[in-house]
């Protein structure tokens, strides 16, 4: 049994974000694609967020589904993303996925780097 089915949703995946991911997957023409969100070392504050499309779901991934789109999070990244919100915004600075993370003790101006 997948751990994701036993846990409440670890993070908020907004309608705006899930709808944009679905559009991108439709453009790619590959319904097997899922959005993988991860945290890696680097960036100006110690950690940075990343997004990539992935067809493969690993056994230890946490899955969050919204509007027919699946979000994947690996165990190492999961600990930093619990309680975060993944949103998609369109503004003067362009369109981008944004993570609002209450676990981050500090962030930097680029919005994709943080320290915990």
PDB file of N, CA and C in Angstrom:
ATOM      1  N   UNK A   1       0.844  -1.193   0.000  1.00  0.00           N
ATOM      2  CA  UNK A   1       0.000   0.000   0.000  1.00  0.00           C
ATOM      3  C   UNK A   1       0.880   1.244   0.000  1.00  0.00           C
ATOM      4  N   UNK A   2       0.542   2.177  -0.822  1.00  0.00           N
ATOM      5  CA  UNK A   2       1.329   3.397  -0.951  1.00  0.00           C
ATOM      6  C   UNK A   2       1.090   4.299   0.260  1.00  0.00           C
ATOM      7  N   UNK A   3       2.163   4.813   0.814  1.00  0.00           N
ATOM      8  CA  UNK A   3       2.061   5.675   1.990  1.00  0.00           C
ATOM      9  C   UNK A   3       1.216   6.912   1.707  1.00  0.00           C
ATOM     10  N   UNK A   4       1.205   7.368   0.462  1.00  0.00           N
ATOM     11  CA  UNK A   4       0.473   8.586   0.118  1.00  0.00           C
ATOM     12  C   UNK A   4      -1.022   8.427   0.365  1.00  0.00           C
ATOM     13  N   UNK A   5      -1.539   7.205   0.266  1.00  0.00           N
ATOM     14  CA  UNK A   5      -2.971   7.008   0.468  1.00  0.00           C
ATOM     15  C   UNK A   5      -3.336   7.053   1.949  1.00  0.00           C
ATOM     16  N   UNK A   6      -2.362   6.890   2.830  1.00  0.00           N
ATOM     17  CA  UNK A   6      -2.633   6.876   4.263  1.00  0.00           C
ATOM     18  C   UNK A   6      -2.469   8.250   4.896  1.00  0.00           C
ATOM     19  N   UNK A   7      -1.772   9.138   4.243  1.00  0.00           N
ATOM     20  CA  UNK A   7      -1.455  10.433   4.826  1.00  0.00           C
ATOM     21  C   UNK A   7      -2.375  11.514   4.279  1.00  0.00           C
ATOM     22  N   UNK A   8      -2.646  12.541   5.078  1.00  0.00           N
ATOM     23  CA  UNK A   8      -3.342  13.697   4.504  1.00  0.00           C
ATOM     24  C   UNK A   8      -2.411  14.359   3.486  1.00  0.00           C
ATOM     25  N   UNK A   9      -2.955  15.148   2.617  1.00  0.00           N
ATOM     26  CA  UNK A   9      -2.131  15.794   1.602  1.00  0.00           C
ATOM     27  C   UNK A   9      -1.003  16.581   2.267  1.00  0.00           C
ATOM     28  N   UNK A  10       0.245  16.288   1.893  1.00  0.00           N
ATOM     29  CA  UNK A  10       1.382  16.922   2.552  1.00  0.00           C
ATOM     30  C   UNK A  10       1.559  18.380   2.174  1.00  0.00           C
ATOM     31  N   UNK A  11       0.979  18.773   1.043  1.00  0.00           N
ATOM     32  CA  UNK A  11       1.134  20.149   0.621  1.00  0.00           C
ATOM     33  C   UNK A  11      -0.057  20.564  -0.210  1.00  0.00           C
ATOM     34  N   UNK A  12      -0.137  21.848  -0.467  1.00  0.00           N
ATOM     35  CA  UNK A  12      -1.246  22.393  -1.243  1.00  0.00           C
ATOM     36  C   UNK A  12      -0.795  22.548  -2.691  1.00  0.00           C
ATOM     37  N   UNK A  13      -1.525  21.920  -3.597  1.00  0.00           N
ATOM     38  CA  UNK A  13      -1.266  21.999  -5.030  1.00  0.00           C
ATOM     39  C   UNK A  13      -2.465  22.762  -5.586  1.00  0.00           C
ATOM     40  N   UNK A  14      -2.295  24.052  -5.876  1.00  0.00           N
ATOM     41  CA  UNK A  14      -3.436  24.896  -6.223  1.00  0.00           C
ATOM     42  C   UNK A  14      -4.046  24.531  -7.579  1.00  0.00           C
ATOM     43  N   UNK A  15      -5.292  24.959  -7.769  1.00  0.00           N
ATOM     44  CA  UNK A  15      -5.963  24.746  -9.051  1.00  0.00           C
ATOM     45  C   UNK A  15      -5.173  25.388 -10.185  1.00  0.00           C
ATOM     46  N   UNK A  16      -4.676  26.582  -9.928  1.00  0.00           N
ATOM     47  CA  UNK A  16      -3.909  27.301 -10.951  1.00  0.00           C
ATOM     48  C   UNK A  16      -2.694  26.482 -11.390  1.00  0.00           C
ATOM     49  N   UNK A  17      -1.979  25.917 -10.417  1.00  0.00           N
ATOM     50  CA  UNK A  17      -0.783  25.130 -10.736  1.00  0.00           C
ATOM     51  C   UNK A  17      -1.147  23.826 -11.443  1.00  0.00           C
ATOM     52  N   UNK A  18      -2.156  23.126 -10.922  1.00  0.00           N
ATOM     53  CA  UNK A  18      -2.503  21.838 -11.524  1.00  0.00           C
ATOM     54  C   UNK A  18      -3.051  22.017 -12.940  1.00  0.00           C
ATOM     55  N   UNK A  19      -3.827  23.080 -13.161  1.00  0.00           N
ATOM     56  CA  UNK A  19      -4.351  23.326 -14.505  1.00  0.00           C
ATOM     57  C   UNK A  19      -3.234  23.654 -15.488  1.00  0.00           C
ATOM     58  N   UNK A  20      -2.230  24.418 -15.051  1.00  0.00           N
ATOM     59  CA  UNK A  20      -1.114  24.751 -15.927  1.00  0.00           C
ATOM     60  C   UNK A  20      -0.301  23.502 -16.246  1.00  0.00           C
ATOM     61  N   UNK A  21      -0.079  22.644 -15.251  1.00  0.00           N
ATOM     62  CA  UNK A  21       0.654  21.394 -15.485  1.00  0.00           C
ATOM     63  C   UNK A  21      -0.107  20.538 -16.505  1.00  0.00           C
ATOM     64  N   UNK A  22      -1.430  20.467 -16.346  1.00  0.00           N
ATOM     65  CA  UNK A  22      -2.229  19.678 -17.281  1.00  0.00           C
ATOM     66  C   UNK A  22      -2.098  20.225 -18.703  1.00  0.00           C
ATOM     67  N   UNK A  23      -2.110  21.552 -18.851  1.00  0.00           N
ATOM     68  CA  UNK A  23      -1.914  22.168 -20.176  1.00  0.00           C
ATOM     69  C   UNK A  23      -0.568  21.772 -20.767  1.00  0.00           C
ATOM     70  N   UNK A  24       0.483  21.836 -19.949  1.00  0.00           N
ATOM     71  CA  UNK A  24       1.830  21.505 -20.431  1.00  0.00           C
ATOM     72  C   UNK A  24       1.929  20.042 -20.841  1.00  0.00           C
ATOM     73  N   UNK A  25       1.299  19.161 -20.061  1.00  0.00           N
ATOM     74  CA  UNK A  25       1.313  17.729 -20.388  1.00  0.00           C
ATOM     75  C   UNK A  25       0.571  17.492 -21.707  1.00  0.00           C
ATOM     76  N   UNK A  26      -0.561  18.187 -21.884  1.00  0.00           N
ATOM     77  CA  UNK A  26      -1.315  18.041 -23.135  1.00  0.00           C
ATOM     78  C   UNK A  26      -0.490  18.518 -24.323  1.00  0.00           C
ATOM     79  N   UNK A  27       0.278  19.604 -24.135  1.00  0.00           N
ATOM     80  CA  UNK A  27       1.148  20.104 -25.208  1.00  0.00           C
ATOM     81  C   UNK A  27       2.214  19.081 -25.563  1.00  0.00           C
ATOM     82  N   UNK A  28       2.730  18.376 -24.541  1.00  0.00           N
ATOM     83  CA  UNK A  28       3.746  17.354 -24.778  1.00  0.00           C
ATOM     84  C   UNK A  28       3.138  16.121 -25.445  1.00  0.00           C
ATOM     85  N   UNK A  29       1.844  15.927 -25.274  1.00  0.00           N
ATOM     86  CA  UNK A  29       1.178  14.781 -25.878  1.00  0.00           C
ATOM     87  C   UNK A  29       1.514  13.460 -25.199  1.00  0.00           C
ATOM     88  N   UNK A  30       1.944  13.503 -23.937  1.00  0.00           N
ATOM     89  CA  UNK A  30       2.295  12.291 -23.213  1.00  0.00           C
ATOM     90  C   UNK A  30       1.521  12.252 -21.895  1.00  0.00           C
ATOM     91  N   UNK A  31       0.403  11.512 -21.859  1.00  0.00           N
ATOM     92  CA  UNK A  31      -0.438  11.496 -20.659  1.00  0.00           C
ATOM     93  C   UNK A  31       0.224  10.826 -19.451  1.00  0.00           C
ATOM     94  N   UNK A  32       1.352  10.144 -19.658  1.00  0.00           N
ATOM     95  CA  UNK A  32       2.051   9.487 -18.543  1.00  0.00           C
ATOM     96  C   UNK A  32       2.906  10.448 -17.733  1.00  0.00           C
ATOM     97  N   UNK A  33       3.074  11.680 -18.207  1.00  0.00           N
ATOM     98  CA  UNK A  33       3.932  12.622 -17.494  1.00  0.00           C
ATOM     99  C   UNK A  33       3.324  13.068 -16.175  1.00  0.00           C
ATOM    100  N   UNK A  34       4.190  13.214 -15.180  1.00  0.00           N
ATOM    101  CA  UNK A  34       3.813  13.727 -13.870  1.00  0.00           C
ATOM    102  C   UNK A  34       4.797  14.839 -13.523  1.00  0.00           C
ATOM    103  N   UNK A  35       4.389  15.756 -12.679  1.00  0.00           N
ATOM    104  CA  UNK A  35       5.284  16.839 -12.278  1.00  0.00           C
ATOM    105  C   UNK A  35       6.042  16.423 -11.025  1.00  0.00           C
ATOM    106  N   UNK A  36       7.356  16.390 -11.123  1.00  0.00           N
ATOM    107  CA  UNK A  36       8.184  16.070  -9.964  1.00  0.00           C
ATOM    108  C   UNK A  36       8.703  17.376  -9.377  1.00  0.00           C
ATOM    109  N   UNK A  37       8.465  17.557  -8.081  1.00  0.00           N
ATOM    110  CA  UNK A  37       8.959  18.729  -7.358  1.00  0.00           C
ATOM    111  C   UNK A  37      10.058  18.225  -6.446  1.00  0.00           C
ATOM    112  N   UNK A  38      11.193  18.906  -6.448  1.00  0.00           N
ATOM    113  CA  UNK A  38      12.294  18.430  -5.618  1.00  0.00           C
ATOM    114  C   UNK A  38      13.057  19.591  -5.005  1.00  0.00           C
ATOM    115  N   UNK A  39      13.810  19.256  -3.983  1.00  0.00           N
ATOM    116  CA  UNK A  39      14.669  20.210  -3.310  1.00  0.00           C
ATOM    117  C   UNK A  39      16.089  19.695  -3.484  1.00  0.00           C
ATOM    118  N   UNK A  40      16.991  20.584  -3.869  1.00  0.00           N
ATOM    119  CA  UNK A  40      18.385  20.172  -4.024  1.00  0.00           C
ATOM    120  C   UNK A  40      19.287  21.197  -3.351  1.00  0.00           C
ATOM    121  N   UNK A  41      20.498  20.777  -3.061  1.00  0.00           N
ATOM    122  CA  UNK A  41      21.469  21.693  -2.482  1.00  0.00           C
ATOM    123  C   UNK A  41      21.875  22.720  -3.518  1.00  0.00           C
ATOM    124  N   UNK A  42      22.164  23.933  -3.053  1.00  0.00           N
ATOM    125  CA  UNK A  42      22.581  24.978  -3.984  1.00  0.00           C
ATOM    126  C   UNK A  42      21.716  26.208  -3.835  1.00  0.00           C
ATOM    127  N   UNK A  43      21.843  27.096  -4.775  1.00  0.00           N
ATOM    128  CA  UNK A  43      21.097  28.347  -4.699  1.00  0.00           C
ATOM    129  C   UNK A  43      21.770  29.290  -3.721  1.00  0.00           C
ATOM    130  N   UNK A  44      21.270  30.503  -3.653  1.00  0.00           N
ATOM    131  CA  UNK A  44      21.933  31.507  -2.811  1.00  0.00           C
ATOM    132  C   UNK A  44      21.612  31.354  -1.330  1.00  0.00           C
ATOM    133  N   UNK A  45      20.658  30.486  -0.961  1.00  0.00           N
ATOM    134  CA  UNK A  45      20.320  30.315   0.452  1.00  0.00           C
ATOM    135  C   UNK A  45      20.551  28.900   0.973  1.00  0.00           C
ATOM    136  N   UNK A  46      21.181  28.038   0.189  1.00  0.00           N
ATOM    137  CA  UNK A  46      21.499  26.707   0.680  1.00  0.00           C
ATOM    138  C   UNK A  46      20.723  25.582   0.031  1.00  0.00           C
ATOM    139  N   UNK A  47      19.441  25.810  -0.249  1.00  0.00           N
ATOM    140  CA  UNK A  47      18.613  24.827  -0.938  1.00  0.00           C
ATOM    141  C   UNK A  47      17.870  25.533  -2.063  1.00  0.00           C
ATOM    142  N   UNK A  48      17.527  24.769  -3.095  1.00  0.00           N
ATOM    143  CA  UNK A  48      16.699  25.366  -4.134  1.00  0.00           C
ATOM    144  C   UNK A  48      15.648  24.371  -4.605  1.00  0.00           C
ATOM    145  N   UNK A  49      14.543  24.924  -5.107  1.00  0.00           N
ATOM    146  CA  UNK A  49      13.457  24.103  -5.612  1.00  0.00           C
ATOM    147  C   UNK A  49      13.693  23.795  -7.077  1.00  0.00           C
ATOM    148  N   UNK A  50      13.182  22.644  -7.491  1.00  0.00           N
ATOM    149  CA  UNK A  50      13.240  22.316  -8.901  1.00  0.00           C
ATOM    150  C   UNK A  50      11.956  21.635  -9.331  1.00  0.00           C
ATOM    151  N   UNK A  51      11.655  21.752 -10.615  1.00  0.00           N
ATOM    152  CA  UNK A  51      10.491  21.104 -11.201  1.00  0.00           C
ATOM    153  C   UNK A  51      10.947  20.381 -12.454  1.00  0.00           C
ATOM    154  N   UNK A  52      10.440  19.187 -12.658  1.00  0.00           N
ATOM    155  CA  UNK A  52      10.724  18.480 -13.892  1.00  0.00           C
ATOM    156  C   UNK A  52       9.559  17.549 -14.191  1.00  0.00           C
ATOM    157  N   UNK A  53       9.405  17.177 -15.449  1.00  0.00           N
ATOM    158  CA  UNK A  53       8.396  16.183 -15.791  1.00  0.00           C
ATOM    159  C   UNK A  53       9.034  14.814 -15.727  1.00  0.00           C
ATOM    160  N   UNK A  54       8.295  13.832 -15.244  1.00  0.00           N
ATOM    161  CA  UNK A  54       8.812  12.486 -15.066  1.00  0.00           C
ATOM    162  C   UNK A  54       7.713  11.492 -15.405  1.00  0.00           C
ATOM    163  N   UNK A  55       8.073  10.428 -16.121  1.00  0.00           N
ATOM    164  CA  UNK A  55       7.110   9.363 -16.412  1.00  0.00           C
ATOM    165  C   UNK A  55       7.153   8.288 -15.344  1.00  0.00           C
ATOM    166  N   UNK A  56       8.262   8.231 -14.604  1.00  0.00           N
ATOM    167  CA  UNK A  56       8.492   7.142 -13.661  1.00  0.00           C
ATOM    168  C   UNK A  56       8.148   7.573 -12.241  1.00  0.00           C
ATOM    169  N   UNK A  57       7.343   6.765 -11.574  1.00  0.00           N
ATOM    170  CA  UNK A  57       7.038   6.976 -10.160  1.00  0.00           C
ATOM    171  C   UNK A  57       7.846   5.961  -9.371  1.00  0.00           C
ATOM    172  N   UNK A  58       8.704   6.433  -8.491  1.00  0.00           N
ATOM    173  CA  UNK A  58       9.500   5.534  -7.666  1.00  0.00           C
ATOM    174  C   UNK A  58       8.654   5.032  -6.494  1.00  0.00           C
ATOM    175  N   UNK A  59       9.022   3.868  -5.967  1.00  0.00           N
ATOM    176  CA  UNK A  59       8.262   3.251  -4.872  1.00  0.00           C
ATOM    177  C   UNK A  59       8.146   4.154  -3.657  1.00  0.00           C
ATOM    178  N   UNK A  60       9.186   4.966  -3.405  1.00  0.00           N
ATOM    179  CA  UNK A  60       9.175   5.782  -2.191  1.00  0.00           C
ATOM    180  C   UNK A  60       8.698   7.222  -2.434  1.00  0.00           C
ATOM    181  N   UNK A  61       8.205   7.516  -3.639  1.00  0.00           N
ATOM    182  CA  UNK A  61       7.669   8.850  -3.924  1.00  0.00           C
ATOM    183  C   UNK A  61       6.328   9.057  -3.222  1.00  0.00           C
ATOM    184  N   UNK A  62       6.091  10.255  -2.772  1.00  0.00           N
ATOM    185  CA  UNK A  62       4.771  10.653  -2.300  1.00  0.00           C
ATOM    186  C   UNK A  62       4.043  11.249  -3.500  1.00  0.00           C
ATOM    187  N   UNK A  63       2.785  10.876  -3.683  1.00  0.00           N
ATOM    188  CA  UNK A  63       2.010  11.380  -4.810  1.00  0.00           C
ATOM    189  C   UNK A  63       0.861  12.251  -4.300  1.00  0.00           C
ATOM    190  N   UNK A  64       0.675  13.380  -4.974  1.00  0.00           N
ATOM    191  CA  UNK A  64      -0.448  14.260  -4.681  1.00  0.00           C
ATOM    192  C   UNK A  64      -1.197  14.451  -5.995  1.00  0.00           C
ATOM    193  N   UNK A  65      -2.485  14.136  -6.005  1.00  0.00           N
ATOM    194  CA  UNK A  65      -3.265  14.285  -7.227  1.00  0.00           C
ATOM    195  C   UNK A  65      -4.226  15.455  -7.116  1.00  0.00           C
ATOM    196  N   UNK A  66      -4.351  16.168  -8.222  1.00  0.00           N
ATOM    197  CA  UNK A  66      -5.272  17.307  -8.273  1.00  0.00           C
ATOM    198  C   UNK A  66      -5.685  17.513  -9.719  1.00  0.00           C
ATOM    199  N   UNK A  67      -6.967  17.560  -9.973  1.00  0.00           N
ATOM    200  CA  UNK A  67      -7.499  17.829 -11.322  1.00  0.00           C
ATOM    201  C   UNK A  67      -6.888  16.917 -12.388  1.00  0.00           C
ATOM    202  N   UNK A  68      -6.660  15.656 -12.035  1.00  0.00           N
ATOM    203  CA  UNK A  68      -6.131  14.700 -13.007  1.00  0.00           C
ATOM    204  C   UNK A  68      -4.628  14.778 -13.210  1.00  0.00           C
ATOM    205  N   UNK A  69      -3.954  15.585 -12.415  1.00  0.00           N
ATOM    206  CA  UNK A  69      -2.499  15.739 -12.522  1.00  0.00           C
ATOM    207  C   UNK A  69      -1.859  15.147 -11.271  1.00  0.00           C
ATOM    208  N   UNK A  70      -0.758  14.426 -11.445  1.00  0.00           N
ATOM    209  CA  UNK A  70      -0.058  13.846 -10.304  1.00  0.00           C
ATOM    210  C   UNK A  70       1.246  14.588 -10.055  1.00  0.00           C
ATOM    211  N   UNK A  71       1.439  14.928  -8.803  1.00  0.00           N
ATOM    212  CA  UNK A  71       2.662  15.586  -8.343  1.00  0.00           C
ATOM    213  C   UNK A  71       3.472  14.522  -7.604  1.00  0.00           C
ATOM    214  N   UNK A  72       4.762  14.432  -7.892  1.00  0.00           N
ATOM    215  CA  UNK A  72       5.644  13.461  -7.241  1.00  0.00           C
ATOM    216  C   UNK A  72       6.659  14.190  -6.368  1.00  0.00           C
ATOM    217  N   UNK A  73       6.920  13.626  -5.176  1.00  0.00           N
ATOM    218  CA  UNK A  73       7.921  14.204  -4.279  1.00  0.00           C
ATOM    219  C   UNK A  73       8.751  13.063  -3.699  1.00  0.00           C
ATOM    220  N   UNK A  74      10.058  13.137  -3.840  1.00  0.00           N
ATOM    221  CA  UNK A  74      10.921  12.107  -3.280  1.00  0.00           C
ATOM    222  C   UNK A  74      11.046  12.307  -1.766  1.00  0.00           C
ATOM    223  N   UNK A  75      11.445  11.247  -1.020  1.00  0.00           N
ATOM    224  CA  UNK A  75      11.472  11.335   0.450  1.00  0.00           C
ATOM    225  C   UNK A  75      12.369  12.449   0.998  1.00  0.00           C
ATOM    226  N   UNK A  76      13.521  12.693   0.395  1.00  0.00           N
ATOM    227  CA  UNK A  76      14.430  13.735   0.891  1.00  0.00           C
ATOM    228  C   UNK A  76      13.775  15.111   0.744  1.00  0.00           C
ATOM    229  N   UNK A  77      13.145  15.357  -0.396  1.00  0.00           N
ATOM    230  CA  UNK A  77      12.494  16.650  -0.633  1.00  0.00           C
ATOM    231  C   UNK A  77      11.228  16.810   0.200  1.00  0.00           C
ATOM    232  N   UNK A  78      10.544  15.691   0.451  1.00  0.00           N
ATOM    233  CA  UNK A  78       9.277  15.708   1.179  1.00  0.00           C
ATOM    234  C   UNK A  78       9.408  16.418   2.520  1.00  0.00           C
ATOM    235  N   UNK A  79      10.492  16.123   3.242  1.00  0.00           N
ATOM    236  CA  UNK A  79      10.654  16.709   4.580  1.00  0.00           C
ATOM    237  C   UNK A  79      10.725  18.233   4.535  1.00  0.00           C
ATOM    238  N   UNK A  80      11.186  18.794   3.414  1.00  0.00           N
ATOM    239  CA  UNK A  80      11.281  20.254   3.289  1.00  0.00           C
ATOM    240  C   UNK A  80      10.007  20.878   2.727  1.00  0.00           C
ATOM    241  N   UNK A  81       9.140  20.047   2.146  1.00  0.00           N
ATOM    242  CA  UNK A  81       7.968  20.574   1.446  1.00  0.00           C
ATOM    243  C   UNK A  81       6.650  20.371   2.186  1.00  0.00           C
ATOM    244  N   UNK A  82       6.665  19.658   3.316  1.00  0.00           N
ATOM    245  CA  UNK A  82       5.429  19.437   4.073  1.00  0.00           C
ATOM    246  C   UNK A  82       4.842  20.790   4.466  1.00  0.00           C
ATOM    247  N   UNK A  83       3.586  20.989   4.135  1.00  0.00           N
ATOM    248  CA  UNK A  83       2.906  22.230   4.490  1.00  0.00           C
ATOM    249  C   UNK A  83       3.080  23.354   3.485  1.00  0.00           C
ATOM    250  N   UNK A  84       3.861  23.137   2.436  1.00  0.00           N
ATOM    251  CA  UNK A  84       4.097  24.184   1.437  1.00  0.00           C
ATOM    252  C   UNK A  84       2.924  24.268   0.451  1.00  0.00           C
ATOM    253  N   UNK A  85       2.874  25.373  -0.260  1.00  0.00           N
ATOM    254  CA  UNK A  85       1.869  25.557  -1.302  1.00  0.00           C
ATOM    255  C   UNK A  85       2.569  25.727  -2.636  1.00  0.00           C
ATOM    256  N   UNK A  86       2.121  24.958  -3.623  1.00  0.00           N
ATOM    257  CA  UNK A  86       2.669  25.084  -4.970  1.00  0.00           C
ATOM    258  C   UNK A  86       1.615  25.784  -5.812  1.00  0.00           C
ATOM    259  N   UNK A  87       1.991  26.931  -6.356  1.00  0.00           N
ATOM    260  CA  UNK A  87       1.048  27.758  -7.100  1.00  0.00           C
ATOM    261  C   UNK A  87       1.677  28.129  -8.444  1.00  0.00           C
ATOM    262  N   UNK A  88       0.835  28.623  -9.328  1.00  0.00           N
ATOM    263  CA  UNK A  88       1.308  29.119 -10.615  1.00  0.00           C
ATOM    264  C   UNK A  88       0.798  30.536 -10.750  1.00  0.00           C
ATOM    265  N   UNK A  89       1.712  31.474 -11.003  1.00  0.00           N
ATOM    266  CA  UNK A  89       1.312  32.870 -11.108  1.00  0.00           C
ATOM    267  C   UNK A  89       1.701  33.431 -12.465  1.00  0.00           C
ATOM    268  N   UNK A  90       0.888  34.353 -12.931  1.00  0.00           N
ATOM    269  CA  UNK A  90       1.187  35.077 -14.160  1.00  0.00           C
ATOM    270  C   UNK A  90       1.167  36.551 -13.812  1.00  0.00           C
ATOM    271  N   UNK A  91       2.302  37.208 -14.020  1.00  0.00           N
ATOM    272  CA  UNK A  91       2.369  38.618 -13.664  1.00  0.00           C
ATOM    273  C   UNK A  91       3.317  39.374 -14.574  1.00  0.00           C
ATOM    274  N   UNK A  92       3.673  40.584 -14.157  1.00  0.00           N
ATOM    275  CA  UNK A  92       4.556  41.437 -14.954  1.00  0.00           C
ATOM    276  C   UNK A  92       5.926  40.806 -15.153  1.00  0.00           C
ATOM    277  N   UNK A  93       6.363  40.014 -14.170  1.00  0.00           N
ATOM    278  CA  UNK A  93       7.683  39.398 -14.269  1.00  0.00           C
ATOM    279  C   UNK A  93       7.653  38.085 -15.033  1.00  0.00           C
ATOM    280  N   UNK A  94       6.511  37.760 -15.612  1.00  0.00           N
ATOM    281  CA  UNK A  94       6.391  36.517 -16.364  1.00  0.00           C
ATOM    282  C   UNK A  94       5.567  35.497 -15.604  1.00  0.00           C
ATOM    283  N   UNK A  95       5.487  34.314 -16.170  1.00  0.00           N
ATOM    284  CA  UNK A  95       4.709  33.245 -15.580  1.00  0.00           C
ATOM    285  C   UNK A  95       5.654  32.250 -14.934  1.00  0.00           C
ATOM    286  N   UNK A  96       5.273  31.765 -13.748  1.00  0.00           N
ATOM    287  CA  UNK A  96       6.161  30.817 -13.084  1.00  0.00           C
ATOM    288  C   UNK A  96       5.427  30.024 -12.015  1.00  0.00           C
ATOM    289  N   UNK A  97       5.995  28.864 -11.714  1.00  0.00           N
ATOM    290  CA  UNK A  97       5.518  28.102 -10.568  1.00  0.00           C
ATOM    291  C   UNK A  97       6.181  28.692  -9.338  1.00  0.00           C
ATOM    292  N   UNK A  98       5.421  28.816  -8.257  1.00  0.00           N
ATOM    293  CA  UNK A  98       5.913  29.427  -7.032  1.00  0.00           C
ATOM    294  C   UNK A  98       5.642  28.478  -5.873  1.00  0.00           C
ATOM    295  N   UNK A  99       6.616  28.316  -4.998  1.00  0.00           N
ATOM    296  CA  UNK A  99       6.424  27.519  -3.790  1.00  0.00           C
ATOM    297  C   UNK A  99       6.428  28.456  -2.597  1.00  0.00           C
ATOM    298  N   UNK A 100       5.325  28.438  -1.851  1.00  0.00           N
ATOM    299  CA  UNK A 100       5.238  29.210  -0.610  1.00  0.00           C
ATOM    300  C   UNK A 100       5.454  28.207   0.516  1.00  0.00           C
ATOM    301  N   UNK A 101       6.599  28.303   1.167  1.00  0.00           N
ATOM    302  CA  UNK A 101       7.001  27.277   2.115  1.00  0.00           C
ATOM    303  C   UNK A 101       7.130  27.834   3.528  1.00  0.00           C
ATOM    304  N   UNK A 102       6.250  27.407   4.437  1.00  0.00           N
ATOM    305  CA  UNK A 102       6.339  27.903   5.821  1.00  0.00           C
ATOM    306  C   UNK A 102       7.549  27.346   6.570  1.00  0.00           C
ATOM    307  N   UNK A 103       8.185  26.303   6.034  1.00  0.00           N
ATOM    308  CA  UNK A 103       9.353  25.698   6.686  1.00  0.00           C
ATOM    309  C   UNK A 103      10.635  26.468   6.415  1.00  0.00           C
ATOM    310  N   UNK A 104      10.631  27.303   5.399  1.00  0.00           N
ATOM    311  CA  UNK A 104      11.847  28.030   5.038  1.00  0.00           C
ATOM    312  C   UNK A 104      12.102  29.131   6.066  1.00  0.00           C
ATOM    313  N   UNK A 105      13.288  29.136   6.638  1.00  0.00           N
ATOM    314  CA  UNK A 105      13.603  30.163   7.621  1.00  0.00           C
ATOM    315  C   UNK A 105      14.026  31.454   6.942  1.00  0.00           C
ATOM    316  N   UNK A 106      14.577  31.334   5.754  1.00  0.00           N
ATOM    317  CA  UNK A 106      14.874  32.534   4.975  1.00  0.00           C
ATOM    318  C   UNK A 106      14.821  32.171   3.499  1.00  0.00           C
ATOM    319  N   UNK A 107      14.486  33.156   2.698  1.00  0.00           N
ATOM    320  CA  UNK A 107      14.450  32.955   1.253  1.00  0.00           C
ATOM    321  C   UNK A 107      15.238  34.064   0.597  1.00  0.00           C
ATOM    322  N   UNK A 108      15.417  33.946  -0.692  1.00  0.00           N
ATOM    323  CA  UNK A 108      16.147  35.011  -1.378  1.00  0.00           C
ATOM    324  C   UNK A 108      15.251  35.619  -2.446  1.00  0.00           C
ATOM    325  N   UNK A 109      15.725  36.624  -3.080  1.00  0.00           N
ATOM    326  CA  UNK A 109      14.926  37.386  -4.040  1.00  0.00           C
ATOM    327  C   UNK A 109      14.424  36.576  -5.209  1.00  0.00           C
ATOM    328  N   UNK A 110      15.153  35.524  -5.602  1.00  0.00           N
ATOM    329  CA  UNK A 110      14.726  34.766  -6.779  1.00  0.00           C
ATOM    330  C   UNK A 110      13.516  33.897  -6.474  1.00  0.00           C
ATOM    331  N   UNK A 111      13.248  33.633  -5.183  1.00  0.00           N
ATOM    332  CA  UNK A 111      12.077  32.851  -4.813  1.00  0.00           C
ATOM    333  C   UNK A 111      12.226  31.368  -5.006  1.00  0.00           C
ATOM    334  N   UNK A 112      13.344  30.914  -5.553  1.00  0.00           N
ATOM    335  CA  UNK A 112      13.502  29.479  -5.766  1.00  0.00           C
ATOM    336  C   UNK A 112      14.571  28.894  -4.855  1.00  0.00           C
ATOM    337  N   UNK A 113      15.100  29.708  -3.943  1.00  0.00           N
ATOM    338  CA  UNK A 113      16.149  29.252  -3.032  1.00  0.00           C
ATOM    339  C   UNK A 113      15.736  29.579  -1.611  1.00  0.00           C
ATOM    340  N   UNK A 114      16.119  28.694  -0.662  1.00  0.00           N
ATOM    341  CA  UNK A 114      15.739  28.933   0.734  1.00  0.00           C
ATOM    342  C   UNK A 114      16.697  28.220   1.672  1.00  0.00           C
ATOM    343  N   UNK A 115      16.618  28.531   2.942  1.00  0.00           N
ATOM    344  CA  UNK A 115      17.331  27.781   3.960  1.00  0.00           C
ATOM    345  C   UNK A 115      16.316  27.271   4.974  1.00  0.00           C
ATOM    346  N   UNK A 116      16.644  26.136   5.597  1.00  0.00           N
ATOM    347  CA  UNK A 116      15.693  25.526   6.519  1.00  0.00           C
ATOM    348  C   UNK A 116      16.266  25.468   7.920  1.00  0.00           C
TER     349      UNK A 116
END
